[in-house]
C-alpha cells in the first residue's frame, strides 16, 4: 500500500505551498511522513509513505492521498472523485501531528476488512 502526502504542489498554474519556502516545506512534509511511518510500521500490511510534490490530476494513481485541506479545497469534484483523498488539517501537517490521520486510517482499514 502506498500513501502519498501532498502539502505543496510544484507544477502547474497554481502552486500552493505550506509556507512559501520550498526548503521548509520539504522538511515539514518529510517530518509528517516520518511521524506517520513510525506510527504505522507495526501494521501487518507493508506501507510506503511518499512525500509528493508534483501531484498532477492527469496522472491516475490508486494510492491513498493525504492532502493539505487548503489544497484539496481547490480541486473540482470531478478530480476529487477519481482519487482516494483524505483531507489533512494544515496545522497538523505543519506540526507533524498524525493522530487524526491515524484514526481515519484505522477506520478505513476496519471498514475494508468488514467488506
N, C-alpha and C. Protein backbone atom coordinates (compact mmCIF):
# COMPACT_ATOMS: atom_id res chain seq x y z
N UNK A 1 0.84 -1.17 0.00
CA UNK A 1 0.00 0.00 0.00
C UNK A 1 0.89 1.24 0.00
N UNK A 2 0.56 2.18 -0.87
CA UNK A 2 1.27 3.45 -0.93
C UNK A 2 0.38 4.57 -0.42
N UNK A 3 0.97 5.44 0.38
CA UNK A 3 0.29 6.64 0.84
C UNK A 3 1.13 7.82 0.39
N UNK A 4 0.51 8.72 -0.35
CA UNK A 4 1.19 9.93 -0.82
C UNK A 4 0.73 11.11 0.03
N UNK A 5 1.69 11.86 0.53
CA UNK A 5 1.40 13.04 1.35
C UNK A 5 1.65 14.27 0.50
N UNK A 6 0.59 15.07 0.31
CA UNK A 6 0.69 16.26 -0.53
C UNK A 6 0.45 17.49 0.33
N UNK A 7 1.50 18.26 0.52
CA UNK A 7 1.41 19.50 1.29
C UNK A 7 1.73 20.71 0.44
N UNK A 8 2.28 20.45 -0.73
CA UNK A 8 2.56 21.50 -1.71
C UNK A 8 2.54 20.87 -3.10
N UNK A 9 2.38 21.71 -4.11
CA UNK A 9 2.43 21.26 -5.50
C UNK A 9 3.34 22.21 -6.25
N UNK A 10 4.34 21.65 -6.92
CA UNK A 10 5.37 22.49 -7.55
C UNK A 10 5.28 22.56 -9.06
N UNK A 11 4.17 22.13 -9.62
CA UNK A 11 3.96 22.24 -11.06
C UNK A 11 2.56 22.75 -11.32
N UNK A 12 2.34 23.26 -12.52
CA UNK A 12 1.01 23.71 -12.91
C UNK A 12 0.79 25.20 -12.70
N UNK A 13 -0.42 25.64 -13.03
CA UNK A 13 -0.75 27.06 -12.93
C UNK A 13 -0.78 27.54 -11.49
N UNK A 14 -1.39 26.75 -10.63
CA UNK A 14 -1.48 27.11 -9.21
C UNK A 14 -0.50 26.22 -8.47
N UNK A 15 0.39 26.83 -7.69
CA UNK A 15 1.39 26.06 -6.96
C UNK A 15 1.30 26.37 -5.47
N UNK A 16 0.31 25.77 -4.79
CA UNK A 16 0.16 26.03 -3.36
C UNK A 16 1.32 25.44 -2.57
N UNK A 17 1.64 26.07 -1.46
CA UNK A 17 2.71 25.57 -0.61
C UNK A 17 2.31 25.70 0.85
N UNK A 18 3.06 25.02 1.71
CA UNK A 18 2.79 25.11 3.15
C UNK A 18 3.20 26.46 3.70
N UNK A 19 4.43 26.87 3.35
CA UNK A 19 4.99 28.08 3.97
C UNK A 19 5.44 29.13 2.96
N UNK A 20 5.54 28.76 1.69
CA UNK A 20 6.09 29.66 0.70
C UNK A 20 7.58 29.45 0.48
N UNK A 21 8.20 28.58 1.27
CA UNK A 21 9.62 28.29 1.17
C UNK A 21 9.77 26.79 0.90
N UNK A 22 10.27 26.44 -0.28
CA UNK A 22 10.36 25.04 -0.69
C UNK A 22 11.22 24.20 0.26
N UNK A 23 12.29 24.76 0.77
CA UNK A 23 13.17 24.01 1.67
C UNK A 23 12.45 23.70 2.98
N UNK A 24 11.76 24.69 3.52
CA UNK A 24 11.00 24.49 4.75
C UNK A 24 9.86 23.51 4.51
N UNK A 25 9.17 23.66 3.37
CA UNK A 25 8.09 22.74 3.03
C UNK A 25 8.60 21.31 2.96
N UNK A 26 9.74 21.09 2.32
CA UNK A 26 10.33 19.75 2.24
C UNK A 26 10.51 19.15 3.63
N UNK A 27 11.10 19.93 4.52
CA UNK A 27 11.38 19.45 5.87
C UNK A 27 10.09 19.14 6.64
N UNK A 28 9.09 20.01 6.53
CA UNK A 28 7.84 19.80 7.26
C UNK A 28 7.08 18.58 6.72
N UNK A 29 7.01 18.46 5.41
CA UNK A 29 6.29 17.32 4.82
C UNK A 29 7.03 16.02 5.12
N UNK A 30 8.35 16.04 5.04
CA UNK A 30 9.12 14.84 5.36
C UNK A 30 8.95 14.46 6.82
N UNK A 31 8.91 15.44 7.72
CA UNK A 31 8.69 15.16 9.13
C UNK A 31 7.33 14.48 9.34
N UNK A 32 6.29 14.99 8.67
CA UNK A 32 4.97 14.38 8.77
C UNK A 32 5.03 12.93 8.27
N UNK A 33 5.69 12.72 7.14
CA UNK A 33 5.84 11.37 6.58
C UNK A 33 6.57 10.45 7.56
N UNK A 34 7.64 10.95 8.15
CA UNK A 34 8.41 10.15 9.10
C UNK A 34 7.58 9.79 10.33
N UNK A 35 6.84 10.76 10.85
CA UNK A 35 5.98 10.50 12.02
C UNK A 35 4.92 9.45 11.68
N UNK A 36 4.34 9.58 10.50
CA UNK A 36 3.32 8.62 10.08
C UNK A 36 3.93 7.24 9.88
N UNK A 37 5.09 7.19 9.26
CA UNK A 37 5.78 5.92 9.03
C UNK A 37 6.11 5.24 10.36
N UNK A 38 6.58 6.01 11.33
CA UNK A 38 6.90 5.45 12.64
C UNK A 38 5.65 4.90 13.33
N UNK A 39 4.52 5.52 13.07
CA UNK A 39 3.28 5.10 13.72
C UNK A 39 2.63 3.89 13.05
N UNK A 40 2.86 3.69 11.77
CA UNK A 40 2.21 2.58 11.06
C UNK A 40 3.16 1.43 10.74
N UNK A 41 4.42 1.53 11.13
CA UNK A 41 5.36 0.48 10.74
C UNK A 41 5.10 -0.84 11.44
N UNK A 42 4.20 -0.85 12.41
CA UNK A 42 3.85 -2.10 13.09
C UNK A 42 2.64 -2.77 12.44
N UNK A 43 2.12 -2.17 11.40
CA UNK A 43 0.94 -2.72 10.72
C UNK A 43 1.31 -4.02 10.00
N UNK A 44 0.32 -4.89 9.86
CA UNK A 44 0.56 -6.17 9.20
C UNK A 44 0.72 -6.01 7.69
N UNK A 45 0.22 -4.89 7.15
CA UNK A 45 0.34 -4.61 5.72
C UNK A 45 1.50 -3.63 5.53
N UNK A 46 2.45 -3.95 4.65
CA UNK A 46 3.54 -3.00 4.41
C UNK A 46 3.01 -1.71 3.80
N UNK A 47 3.49 -0.59 4.32
CA UNK A 47 3.02 0.73 3.88
C UNK A 47 4.22 1.56 3.45
N UNK A 48 4.15 2.11 2.24
CA UNK A 48 5.15 3.07 1.76
C UNK A 48 4.54 4.45 1.87
N UNK A 49 5.24 5.36 2.52
CA UNK A 49 4.75 6.72 2.67
C UNK A 49 5.67 7.63 1.88
N UNK A 50 5.06 8.38 0.95
CA UNK A 50 5.82 9.15 -0.03
C UNK A 50 5.44 10.62 0.07
N UNK A 51 6.44 11.48 0.19
CA UNK A 51 6.21 12.92 0.11
C UNK A 51 6.08 13.28 -1.37
N UNK A 52 4.91 13.74 -1.76
CA UNK A 52 4.61 14.01 -3.18
C UNK A 52 4.52 15.52 -3.40
N UNK A 53 5.42 16.05 -4.22
CA UNK A 53 5.44 17.49 -4.50
C UNK A 53 4.96 17.81 -5.91
N UNK A 54 4.69 16.79 -6.71
CA UNK A 54 4.37 17.01 -8.12
C UNK A 54 3.06 16.34 -8.51
N UNK A 55 2.04 16.48 -7.68
CA UNK A 55 0.72 15.90 -7.96
C UNK A 55 0.17 16.48 -9.25
N UNK A 56 -0.31 15.59 -10.10
CA UNK A 56 -0.96 16.01 -11.34
C UNK A 56 -2.25 15.22 -11.50
N UNK A 57 -3.39 15.90 -11.64
CA UNK A 57 -4.65 15.19 -11.82
C UNK A 57 -4.69 14.37 -13.11
N UNK A 58 -3.79 14.65 -14.04
CA UNK A 58 -3.76 13.92 -15.31
C UNK A 58 -3.16 12.53 -15.15
N UNK A 59 -2.44 12.30 -14.06
CA UNK A 59 -1.80 11.01 -13.82
C UNK A 59 -2.59 10.26 -12.76
N UNK A 60 -3.25 9.17 -13.18
CA UNK A 60 -4.08 8.42 -12.24
C UNK A 60 -3.22 7.55 -11.33
N UNK A 61 -3.64 7.43 -10.09
CA UNK A 61 -2.99 6.53 -9.15
C UNK A 61 -4.05 5.93 -8.23
N UNK A 62 -3.82 4.71 -7.82
CA UNK A 62 -4.70 4.06 -6.85
C UNK A 62 -4.21 4.26 -5.43
N UNK A 63 -3.11 4.99 -5.27
CA UNK A 63 -2.55 5.25 -3.95
C UNK A 63 -3.52 6.08 -3.12
N UNK A 64 -3.43 5.91 -1.82
CA UNK A 64 -4.17 6.75 -0.89
C UNK A 64 -3.45 8.09 -0.81
N UNK A 65 -4.20 9.17 -0.89
CA UNK A 65 -3.59 10.50 -0.89
C UNK A 65 -4.01 11.26 0.36
N UNK A 66 -3.02 11.69 1.13
CA UNK A 66 -3.26 12.58 2.26
C UNK A 66 -2.91 13.97 1.78
N UNK A 67 -3.89 14.86 1.73
CA UNK A 67 -3.68 16.17 1.12
C UNK A 67 -4.04 17.29 2.09
N UNK A 68 -3.17 18.30 2.12
CA UNK A 68 -3.46 19.51 2.90
C UNK A 68 -4.86 20.00 2.50
N UNK A 69 -5.70 20.22 3.49
CA UNK A 69 -7.08 20.63 3.19
C UNK A 69 -7.15 21.93 2.42
N UNK A 70 -6.14 22.78 2.56
CA UNK A 70 -6.12 24.03 1.80
C UNK A 70 -5.93 23.78 0.30
N UNK A 71 -5.27 22.69 -0.03
CA UNK A 71 -5.10 22.32 -1.44
C UNK A 71 -6.32 21.57 -1.93
N UNK A 72 -6.81 20.64 -1.14
CA UNK A 72 -7.93 19.81 -1.59
C UNK A 72 -9.18 20.64 -1.85
N UNK A 73 -9.34 21.73 -1.15
CA UNK A 73 -10.49 22.62 -1.39
C UNK A 73 -10.45 23.23 -2.79
N UNK A 74 -9.28 23.32 -3.37
CA UNK A 74 -9.13 23.90 -4.70
C UNK A 74 -9.48 22.92 -5.82
N UNK A 75 -9.54 21.64 -5.49
CA UNK A 75 -9.79 20.63 -6.52
C UNK A 75 -11.28 20.53 -6.84
N UNK A 76 -11.61 20.53 -8.12
CA UNK A 76 -13.01 20.31 -8.51
C UNK A 76 -13.47 18.90 -8.12
N UNK A 77 -14.76 18.74 -7.92
CA UNK A 77 -15.32 17.44 -7.51
C UNK A 77 -14.99 16.33 -8.49
N UNK A 78 -14.95 16.63 -9.80
CA UNK A 78 -14.67 15.57 -10.77
C UNK A 78 -13.25 15.04 -10.64
N UNK A 79 -12.34 15.85 -10.14
CA UNK A 79 -10.97 15.37 -9.90
C UNK A 79 -10.92 14.62 -8.57
N UNK A 80 -11.54 15.17 -7.55
CA UNK A 80 -11.55 14.50 -6.23
C UNK A 80 -12.15 13.10 -6.33
N UNK A 81 -13.17 12.95 -7.16
CA UNK A 81 -13.85 11.65 -7.25
C UNK A 81 -12.99 10.57 -7.89
N UNK A 82 -11.94 10.95 -8.58
CA UNK A 82 -11.06 9.98 -9.24
C UNK A 82 -10.02 9.38 -8.29
N UNK A 83 -9.85 9.98 -7.13
CA UNK A 83 -8.79 9.58 -6.20
C UNK A 83 -9.37 9.30 -4.83
N UNK A 84 -8.61 8.58 -4.04
CA UNK A 84 -8.96 8.37 -2.64
C UNK A 84 -8.17 9.41 -1.84
N UNK A 85 -8.81 10.55 -1.57
CA UNK A 85 -8.15 11.68 -0.91
C UNK A 85 -8.68 11.83 0.51
N UNK A 86 -7.77 11.93 1.44
CA UNK A 86 -8.11 12.25 2.83
C UNK A 86 -7.56 13.64 3.11
N UNK A 87 -8.44 14.53 3.54
CA UNK A 87 -8.01 15.88 3.89
C UNK A 87 -7.25 15.86 5.21
N UNK A 88 -6.12 16.57 5.23
CA UNK A 88 -5.31 16.69 6.44
C UNK A 88 -5.34 18.15 6.87
N UNK A 89 -5.62 18.38 8.14
CA UNK A 89 -5.60 19.73 8.66
C UNK A 89 -4.22 20.36 8.41
N UNK A 90 -4.23 21.58 7.90
CA UNK A 90 -2.98 22.27 7.55
C UNK A 90 -2.03 22.32 8.75
N UNK A 91 -2.55 22.67 9.92
CA UNK A 91 -1.70 22.78 11.11
C UNK A 91 -1.13 21.43 11.53
N UNK A 92 -1.89 20.36 11.36
CA UNK A 92 -1.36 19.03 11.67
C UNK A 92 -0.21 18.68 10.74
N UNK A 93 -0.34 19.03 9.49
CA UNK A 93 0.73 18.77 8.52
C UNK A 93 1.98 19.56 8.88
N UNK A 94 1.81 20.81 9.21
CA UNK A 94 2.95 21.67 9.57
C UNK A 94 3.63 21.17 10.84
N UNK A 95 2.85 20.73 11.81
CA UNK A 95 3.40 20.33 13.11
C UNK A 95 3.78 18.86 13.21
N UNK A 96 3.48 18.09 12.16
CA UNK A 96 3.81 16.66 12.20
C UNK A 96 2.88 15.86 13.09
N UNK A 97 1.68 16.36 13.32
CA UNK A 97 0.70 15.68 14.16
C UNK A 97 -0.10 14.69 13.31
N UNK A 98 0.11 13.41 13.52
CA UNK A 98 -0.51 12.39 12.68
C UNK A 98 -1.69 11.68 13.37
N UNK A 99 -2.07 12.09 14.56
CA UNK A 99 -3.09 11.37 15.32
C UNK A 99 -4.43 11.29 14.60
N UNK A 100 -4.91 12.39 14.04
CA UNK A 100 -6.20 12.38 13.33
C UNK A 100 -6.13 11.49 12.10
N UNK A 101 -5.02 11.55 11.39
CA UNK A 101 -4.85 10.72 10.20
C UNK A 101 -4.82 9.24 10.58
N UNK A 102 -4.14 8.91 11.67
CA UNK A 102 -4.10 7.52 12.12
C UNK A 102 -5.49 7.00 12.44
N UNK A 103 -6.32 7.83 13.09
CA UNK A 103 -7.69 7.42 13.39
C UNK A 103 -8.47 7.14 12.11
N UNK A 104 -8.31 8.00 11.11
CA UNK A 104 -9.01 7.81 9.83
C UNK A 104 -8.52 6.53 9.15
N UNK A 105 -7.20 6.32 9.15
CA UNK A 105 -6.65 5.12 8.52
C UNK A 105 -7.13 3.85 9.22
N UNK A 106 -7.23 3.89 10.54
CA UNK A 106 -7.74 2.73 11.28
C UNK A 106 -9.19 2.44 10.90
N UNK A 107 -10.00 3.49 10.78
CA UNK A 107 -11.40 3.30 10.37
C UNK A 107 -11.48 2.74 8.96
N UNK A 108 -10.66 3.27 8.05
CA UNK A 108 -10.66 2.76 6.67
C UNK A 108 -10.25 1.30 6.63
N UNK A 109 -9.24 0.95 7.38
CA UNK A 109 -8.76 -0.42 7.42
C UNK A 109 -9.83 -1.35 7.99
N UNK A 110 -10.49 -0.91 9.04
CA UNK A 110 -11.56 -1.71 9.65
C UNK A 110 -12.71 -1.89 8.67
N UNK A 111 -13.10 -0.81 7.98
CA UNK A 111 -14.19 -0.89 7.01
C UNK A 111 -13.85 -1.83 5.86
N UNK A 112 -12.60 -1.78 5.39
CA UNK A 112 -12.22 -2.62 4.25
C UNK A 112 -12.16 -4.10 4.66
N UNK A 113 -11.86 -4.38 5.91
CA UNK A 113 -11.82 -5.77 6.37
C UNK A 113 -13.22 -6.34 6.55
N UNK A 114 -14.20 -5.48 6.81
CA UNK A 114 -15.56 -5.95 7.02
C UNK A 114 -16.26 -6.25 5.70
N UNK A 115 -15.75 -5.71 4.61
CA UNK A 115 -16.41 -5.90 3.31
C UNK A 115 -16.14 -7.28 2.77
